[in-house]
């Protein structure tokens, strides 16, 4: 059961950035996420081009709400929708400042692009946000999309989208100063882009990744933030951030209190959380040395 007020008061402790913190597990069995009422979320993985995805059941746990889990409603973001034929329309939130920085958001498996509504002010303070739709329609969810394995095509789509936004909105966004933010299946796409096109994506955010990030895929990235919810299994998320940090990369894990997979915790928590994450990838600071209270039960 969500305790919103307590979660807000605990934000300074529970949402502390984590890295270089060791945890042990005695077996190699698959980790299964669950909330307080044991609702199950699963993640399936395939190899080839890092095409691990969060399954529809996994995404639905947060998007539709598992038993006992309340998904906070957020306002639809005030996107400017630009026609990008032959591509799908792209969604844009202009920066609140004169920043040339770009924040590219990749949603989850058949996810709702309007989830961005949970962190509009934080995003606009960082730069201009561009949200793309996946390249494959979800047959059972009209208007929703998922991602294929075509990393090259996705990089080309992002670069075209930046050029289009510059032209239509008379901006000068820097296509080589992109903060790449992928959530769930979108986080897998972000990892592939960082692996092959790091020159375009110096800062990467992996939200709720369904598999442990691999350090060798981020060798030329400047900073990586990994985050997950308190009510989902974050073992591999935290472990992946530790792996990245041990290589010398600026990497941290962030924990969202009282949050399950597919959820940013509403607008208040979403903006506080993303502001901290975006501040870190923009100017990475040394990792904290102390494990915050509550981590041991993960």
Protein backbone atom coordinates (compact mmCIF):
# COMPACT_ATOMS: atom_id res chain seq x y z
CA UNK A 1 0.00 0.00 0.00
CA UNK A 2 1.34 3.34 -1.02
CA UNK A 3 2.06 5.87 1.71
CA UNK A 4 2.53 8.99 -0.40
CA UNK A 5 3.26 11.40 2.41
CA UNK A 6 5.78 9.12 4.04
CA UNK A 7 7.42 8.50 0.69
CA UNK A 8 7.87 12.19 0.13
CA UNK A 9 9.39 12.68 3.57
CA UNK A 10 11.69 9.72 3.01
CA UNK A 11 12.83 10.89 -0.42
CA UNK A 12 16.10 12.32 0.86
CA UNK A 13 17.05 8.91 2.26
CA UNK A 14 15.36 6.36 0.00
CA UNK A 15 16.16 8.12 -3.26
CA UNK A 16 19.84 8.67 -2.45
CA UNK A 17 22.12 7.85 -5.37
CA UNK A 18 23.92 4.55 -4.96
CA UNK A 19 27.10 3.16 -6.47
CA UNK A 20 30.02 1.01 -5.43
CA UNK A 21 27.79 -0.75 -2.87
CA UNK A 22 28.26 -4.53 -2.81
CA UNK A 23 25.46 -7.05 -2.37
CA UNK A 24 25.64 -10.83 -2.57
CA UNK A 25 23.18 -13.42 -3.77
CA UNK A 26 23.75 -17.12 -3.24
CA UNK A 27 22.15 -18.35 -6.45
CA UNK A 28 21.86 -17.48 -10.12
CA UNK A 29 18.11 -18.02 -10.34
CA UNK A 30 16.07 -15.46 -12.30
CA UNK A 31 14.98 -12.47 -10.26
CA UNK A 32 11.25 -11.80 -10.22
CA UNK A 33 9.85 -8.42 -9.26
CA UNK A 34 6.97 -8.24 -6.83
CA UNK A 35 5.06 -5.58 -4.94
CA UNK A 36 3.80 -5.82 -1.38
CA UNK A 37 0.97 -8.11 -2.50
CA UNK A 38 3.23 -10.44 -4.48
CA UNK A 39 2.01 -9.30 -7.88
CA UNK A 40 4.56 -10.70 -10.31
CA UNK A 41 6.43 -8.86 -13.05
CA UNK A 42 8.67 -10.82 -15.41
CA UNK A 43 11.41 -9.88 -17.83
CA UNK A 44 12.40 -12.02 -20.80
CA UNK A 45 15.76 -11.71 -22.53
CA UNK A 46 17.06 -12.47 -25.97
CA UNK A 47 20.61 -11.83 -27.08
CA UNK A 48 21.76 -10.91 -30.60
CA UNK A 49 21.54 -7.10 -30.37
CA UNK A 50 20.67 -6.67 -26.69
CA UNK A 51 17.02 -7.20 -27.50
CA UNK A 52 15.95 -8.06 -23.98
CA UNK A 53 12.50 -6.68 -23.35
CA UNK A 54 10.11 -6.24 -20.51
CA UNK A 55 7.18 -8.45 -21.41
CA UNK A 56 3.60 -7.13 -21.68
CA UNK A 57 2.92 -8.58 -18.20
CA UNK A 58 5.90 -6.68 -16.83
CA UNK A 59 4.84 -3.34 -18.32
CA UNK A 60 1.22 -3.91 -17.31
CA UNK A 61 2.16 -4.25 -13.66
CA UNK A 62 2.90 -0.56 -13.48
CA UNK A 63 0.83 0.76 -16.38
CA UNK A 64 -2.43 -0.95 -15.45
CA UNK A 65 -1.73 -1.46 -11.77
CA UNK A 66 -1.09 -4.77 -10.06
CA UNK A 67 -3.34 -5.82 -7.15
CA UNK A 68 -2.81 -3.40 -4.30
CA UNK A 69 -0.80 -1.01 -6.51
CA UNK A 70 -2.13 2.46 -7.26
CA UNK A 71 -0.74 4.11 -10.35
CA UNK A 72 -0.71 7.89 -9.79
CA UNK A 73 -2.37 9.78 -12.60
CA UNK A 74 -0.39 12.55 -14.26
CA UNK A 75 -1.39 15.30 -16.59
CA UNK A 76 -0.73 14.70 -20.28
CA UNK A 77 2.41 16.66 -21.12
CA UNK A 78 2.00 19.78 -23.29
CA UNK A 79 3.76 18.21 -26.24
CA UNK A 80 4.15 19.93 -29.57
CA UNK A 81 3.47 17.12 -32.04
CA UNK A 82 5.47 17.39 -35.26
CA UNK A 83 4.65 15.41 -38.38
CA UNK A 84 7.75 13.51 -39.43
CA UNK A 85 6.58 11.44 -42.43
CA UNK A 86 7.52 8.78 -43.34
CA UNK A 87 8.32 8.38 -39.63
CA UNK A 88 5.68 8.54 -36.92
CA UNK A 89 4.93 11.96 -35.42
CA UNK A 90 7.42 13.05 -32.79
CA UNK A 91 6.61 14.79 -29.54
CA UNK A 92 8.55 17.80 -28.28
CA UNK A 93 8.79 19.73 -25.02
CA UNK A 94 10.90 22.85 -25.61
CA UNK A 95 13.52 23.72 -23.02
CA UNK A 96 12.64 26.26 -20.35
CA UNK A 97 16.08 27.81 -20.91
CA UNK A 98 18.24 28.58 -23.91
CA UNK A 99 20.01 25.25 -23.58
CA UNK A 100 21.06 23.43 -26.76
CA UNK A 101 20.96 20.15 -24.88
CA UNK A 102 18.55 17.40 -25.97
CA UNK A 103 16.78 14.81 -23.81
CA UNK A 104 15.52 11.88 -25.91
CA UNK A 105 12.90 9.66 -24.26
CA UNK A 106 12.31 6.05 -25.36
CA UNK A 107 9.22 4.50 -23.77
CA UNK A 108 8.78 0.90 -22.63
CA UNK A 109 7.18 -2.12 -24.30
CA UNK A 110 3.80 -0.91 -25.58
CA UNK A 111 4.24 1.90 -23.06
CA UNK A 112 2.51 5.24 -22.80
CA UNK A 113 4.60 8.11 -24.13
CA UNK A 114 2.51 10.43 -21.96
CA UNK A 115 4.29 9.03 -18.90
CA UNK A 116 6.62 11.99 -19.52
CA UNK A 117 3.91 14.02 -17.78
CA UNK A 118 5.40 12.88 -14.47
CA UNK A 119 8.54 14.98 -14.93
CA UNK A 120 7.87 17.86 -17.34
CA UNK A 121 9.49 20.69 -15.31
CA UNK A 122 12.60 18.60 -14.57
CA UNK A 123 12.95 17.66 -18.23
CA UNK A 124 12.51 21.21 -19.50
CA UNK A 125 15.05 22.50 -16.99
CA UNK A 126 17.57 20.07 -18.48
CA UNK A 127 16.92 20.76 -22.17
CA UNK A 128 14.48 20.13 -25.00
CA UNK A 129 12.77 16.76 -24.69
CA UNK A 130 12.04 14.70 -27.79
CA UNK A 131 9.91 11.57 -27.38
CA UNK A 132 9.78 8.96 -30.13
CA UNK A 133 7.31 6.13 -30.61
CA UNK A 134 8.49 2.56 -31.08
CA UNK A 135 8.78 1.22 -34.61
CA UNK A 136 6.42 -1.76 -34.22
CA UNK A 137 2.70 -1.46 -33.39
CA UNK A 138 1.25 -3.42 -30.48
CA UNK A 139 -1.59 -5.47 -31.94
CA UNK A 140 -3.52 -5.70 -28.68
CA UNK A 141 -3.02 -2.02 -27.77
CA UNK A 142 -4.00 0.32 -30.60
CA UNK A 143 -1.91 3.47 -30.58
CA UNK A 144 0.89 1.85 -28.54
CA UNK A 145 4.25 0.71 -29.90
CA UNK A 146 7.27 -1.44 -29.08
CA UNK A 147 10.85 -1.45 -30.32
CA UNK A 148 12.55 -3.69 -32.87
CA UNK A 149 16.24 -4.65 -32.74
CA UNK A 150 17.29 -2.17 -35.41
CA UNK A 151 19.69 0.07 -33.47
CA UNK A 152 21.08 1.72 -36.60
CA UNK A 153 17.61 2.77 -37.75
CA UNK A 154 16.77 4.13 -34.31
CA UNK A 155 19.91 6.26 -34.21
CA UNK A 156 19.00 7.62 -37.65
CA UNK A 157 15.47 8.39 -36.45
CA UNK A 158 16.81 10.33 -33.47
CA UNK A 159 19.19 12.34 -35.61
CA UNK A 160 16.39 13.16 -38.10
CA UNK A 161 14.09 14.15 -35.25
CA UNK A 162 16.64 16.62 -33.88
CA UNK A 163 17.11 18.17 -37.32
CA UNK A 164 13.33 18.45 -37.73
CA UNK A 165 12.87 20.14 -34.37
CA UNK A 166 15.67 22.59 -35.17
CA UNK A 167 14.07 23.46 -38.48
CA UNK A 168 10.44 23.72 -37.38
CA UNK A 169 10.99 25.37 -34.01
CA UNK A 170 13.97 27.49 -35.07
CA UNK A 171 16.29 25.99 -32.49
CA UNK A 172 19.96 25.04 -32.51
CA UNK A 173 19.90 21.79 -30.59
CA UNK A 174 23.20 19.92 -30.52
CA UNK A 175 22.79 16.42 -31.97
CA UNK A 176 26.01 15.37 -30.21
CA UNK A 177 24.92 16.60 -26.80
CA UNK A 178 22.06 14.18 -26.18
CA UNK A 179 20.91 12.77 -22.87
CA UNK A 180 19.39 9.43 -23.78
CA UNK A 181 16.61 8.24 -21.45
CA UNK A 182 15.21 4.77 -22.03
CA UNK A 183 12.63 3.13 -19.82
CA UNK A 184 12.28 -0.69 -19.56
CA UNK A 185 12.45 -1.95 -23.16
CA UNK A 186 13.50 1.57 -24.06
CA UNK A 187 16.44 1.16 -21.67
CA UNK A 188 17.60 -1.83 -23.73
CA UNK A 189 17.44 0.35 -26.84
CA UNK A 190 19.42 3.04 -25.03
CA UNK A 191 22.13 0.51 -24.12
CA UNK A 192 22.45 -0.55 -27.76
CA UNK A 193 22.71 3.07 -28.89
CA UNK A 194 25.38 3.78 -26.27
CA UNK A 195 27.29 0.72 -27.44
CA UNK A 196 27.41 1.61 -31.14
CA UNK A 197 26.81 5.37 -31.30
CA UNK A 198 28.34 6.73 -28.09
CA UNK A 199 29.53 9.88 -29.87
CA UNK A 200 25.87 10.95 -30.07
CA UNK A 201 24.91 10.00 -26.52
CA UNK A 202 27.39 11.13 -23.85
CA UNK A 203 24.79 10.79 -21.06
CA UNK A 204 22.52 7.77 -20.60
CA UNK A 205 19.64 7.09 -18.21
CA UNK A 206 18.38 3.52 -17.85
CA UNK A 207 15.01 3.36 -16.11
CA UNK A 208 13.84 -0.06 -14.93
CA UNK A 209 16.15 -1.98 -17.30
CA UNK A 210 15.03 -5.64 -17.62
CA UNK A 211 18.60 -6.94 -17.75
CA UNK A 212 21.89 -6.10 -16.06
CA UNK A 213 23.69 -3.33 -17.99
CA UNK A 214 27.02 -4.45 -19.46
CA UNK A 215 30.02 -2.17 -18.79
CA UNK A 216 31.60 -2.90 -22.17
CA UNK A 217 28.59 -1.28 -23.84
CA UNK A 218 29.27 2.08 -22.17
CA UNK A 219 33.01 2.48 -22.65
CA UNK A 220 32.74 5.84 -24.41
CA UNK A 221 29.84 7.32 -22.44
CA UNK A 222 30.45 10.13 -19.96
CA UNK A 223 27.83 9.28 -17.32
CA UNK A 224 25.18 6.63 -16.73
CA UNK A 225 22.30 6.73 -14.26
CA UNK A 226 20.30 3.58 -13.51
CA UNK A 227 17.08 3.72 -11.52
CA UNK A 228 14.31 1.45 -10.34
CA UNK A 229 11.35 1.41 -7.99
CA UNK A 230 11.37 0.24 -4.40
CA UNK A 231 8.58 -2.26 -5.15
CA UNK A 232 10.33 -3.98 -8.05
CA UNK A 233 13.40 -6.22 -8.09
CA UNK A 234 16.38 -3.91 -8.48
CA UNK A 235 19.12 -6.50 -7.93
CA UNK A 236 20.51 -6.37 -11.48
CA UNK A 237 19.93 -2.63 -11.79
CA UNK A 238 22.04 -1.92 -8.71
CA UNK A 239 24.58 -4.60 -9.68
CA UNK A 240 24.88 -3.14 -13.17
CA UNK A 241 25.53 0.34 -11.77
CA UNK A 242 28.20 -1.16 -9.51
CA UNK A 243 29.81 -2.92 -12.48
CA UNK A 244 29.88 0.33 -14.44
CA UNK A 245 31.31 2.27 -11.51
CA UNK A 246 34.10 -0.27 -10.99
CA UNK A 247 35.35 0.39 -14.52
CA UNK A 248 35.87 4.05 -13.62
CA UNK A 249 32.74 5.28 -15.37
CA UNK A 250 30.58 7.89 -13.64
CA UNK A 251 27.61 5.67 -12.83
CA UNK A 252 25.00 5.57 -10.07
CA UNK A 253 21.88 3.73 -9.08
CA UNK A 254 18.87 5.72 -7.88
CA UNK A 255 15.94 4.24 -5.92
CA UNK A 256 12.42 5.65 -6.21
CA UNK A 257 10.57 5.05 -2.91
CA UNK A 258 7.19 3.34 -2.96
CA UNK A 259 7.27 2.83 -6.73
CA UNK A 260 6.68 -0.30 -8.83
CA UNK A 261 7.74 -1.02 -12.41
CA UNK A 262 6.12 1.21 -15.02
CA UNK A 263 5.58 4.11 -12.64
CA UNK A 264 7.42 7.35 -11.79
CA UNK A 265 5.45 7.96 -8.59
CA UNK A 266 3.32 10.85 -9.80
CA UNK A 267 4.33 14.38 -10.65
CA UNK A 268 5.81 15.43 -7.31
CA UNK A 269 8.05 12.41 -6.87
CA UNK A 270 8.70 12.12 -10.61
CA UNK A 271 10.04 15.65 -10.86
CA UNK A 272 12.17 15.39 -7.71
CA UNK A 273 13.60 12.07 -8.85
CA UNK A 274 14.33 13.04 -12.43
CA UNK A 275 15.82 16.38 -11.35
CA UNK A 276 18.38 14.50 -9.26
CA UNK A 277 19.10 12.01 -12.03
CA UNK A 278 19.44 14.68 -14.71
CA UNK A 279 21.66 16.79 -12.46
CA UNK A 280 23.93 13.79 -11.95
CA UNK A 281 24.38 12.89 -15.63
CA UNK A 282 24.92 16.56 -16.46
CA UNK A 283 27.62 16.96 -13.81
CA UNK A 284 28.54 13.60 -12.28
CA UNK A 285 29.79 13.80 -8.71
CA UNK A 286 31.68 11.17 -6.71
CA UNK A 287 29.58 8.20 -5.64
CA UNK A 288 28.31 8.03 -2.05
CA UNK A 289 30.09 5.60 0.23
CA UNK A 290 27.20 4.74 2.55
CA UNK A 291 24.22 2.45 1.89
CA UNK A 292 20.98 4.33 2.73
CA UNK A 293 18.47 2.81 5.15
CA UNK A 294 16.11 0.34 3.50
CA UNK A 295 18.49 -0.96 0.84
CA UNK A 296 19.27 -4.14 2.73
CA UNK A 297 15.77 -5.49 2.17
CA UNK A 298 16.05 -5.26 -1.62
